[in-house]
Amino acid sequence: MPGRNSVIELKVSLNKIEELKGKIEELEATLQNCEL
């Protein structure tokens, strides 16, 4: 069923977005620590 595949793809995409959010938050914290 094509419907199930797109649901799985959506979940994978959401996981990637969550990962990126975490990395962005880390970068923002690092930048704040390095501000001159």
C-alpha atoms as a PDB file:
ATOM      1  CA  MET A   1       0.000   0.000   0.000  1.00  0.00           C
ATOM      2  CA  PRO A   2       1.427   3.383  -1.022  1.00  0.00           C
ATOM      3  CA  GLY A   3      -0.283   5.091   1.905  1.00  0.00           C
ATOM      4  CA  ARG A   4       1.807   3.222   4.472  1.00  0.00           C
ATOM      5  CA  ASN A   5       5.069   4.122   2.738  1.00  0.00           C
ATOM      6  CA  SER A   6       4.297   7.829   2.841  1.00  0.00           C
ATOM      7  CA  VAL A   7       3.477   7.593   6.549  1.00  0.00           C
ATOM      8  CA  ILE A   8       6.850   5.945   7.176  1.00  0.00           C
ATOM      9  CA  GLU A   9       8.583   8.596   5.061  1.00  0.00           C
ATOM     10  CA  LEU A  10       6.816  11.315   7.057  1.00  0.00           C
ATOM     11  CA  LYS A  11       8.005   9.806  10.329  1.00  0.00           C
ATOM     12  CA  VAL A  12      11.572   9.590   9.015  1.00  0.00           C
ATOM     13  CA  SER A  13      11.388  13.231   7.913  1.00  0.00           C
ATOM     14  CA  LEU A  14      10.058  14.270  11.321  1.00  0.00           C
ATOM     15  CA  ASN A  15      12.907  12.426  13.046  1.00  0.00           C
ATOM     16  CA  LYS A  16      15.417  14.248  10.844  1.00  0.00           C
ATOM     17  CA  ILE A  17      13.777  17.583  11.642  1.00  0.00           C
ATOM     18  CA  GLU A  18      13.933  16.848  15.374  1.00  0.00           C
ATOM     19  CA  GLU A  19      17.622  15.958  15.026  1.00  0.00           C
ATOM     20  CA  LEU A  20      18.296  19.215  13.186  1.00  0.00           C
ATOM     21  CA  LYS A  21      16.406  21.194  15.836  1.00  0.00           C
ATOM     22  CA  GLY A  22      18.647  19.704  18.510  1.00  0.00           C
ATOM     23  CA  LYS A  23      21.776  20.562  16.518  1.00  0.00           C
ATOM     24  CA  ILE A  24      20.539  24.120  15.943  1.00  0.00           C
ATOM     25  CA  GLU A  25      19.864  24.556  19.662  1.00  0.00           C
ATOM     26  CA  GLU A  26      23.396  23.351  20.431  1.00  0.00           C
ATOM     27  CA  LEU A  27      24.831  25.779  17.882  1.00  0.00           C
ATOM     28  CA  GLU A  28      22.815  28.672  19.306  1.00  0.00           C
ATOM     29  CA  ALA A  29      24.049  27.887  22.820  1.00  0.00           C
ATOM     30  CA  THR A  30      27.634  27.724  21.556  1.00  0.00           C
ATOM     31  CA  LEU A  31      27.254  31.027  19.725  1.00  0.00           C
ATOM     32  CA  GLN A  32      25.833  32.714  22.820  1.00  0.00           C
ATOM     33  CA  ASN A  33      28.830  31.503  24.831  1.00  0.00           C
ATOM     34  CA  CYS A  34      31.213  32.864  22.186  1.00  0.00           C
ATOM     35  CA  GLU A  35      29.613  36.292  21.777  1.00  0.00           C
ATOM     36  CA  LEU A  36      32.141  39.093  22.048  1.00  0.00           C
END
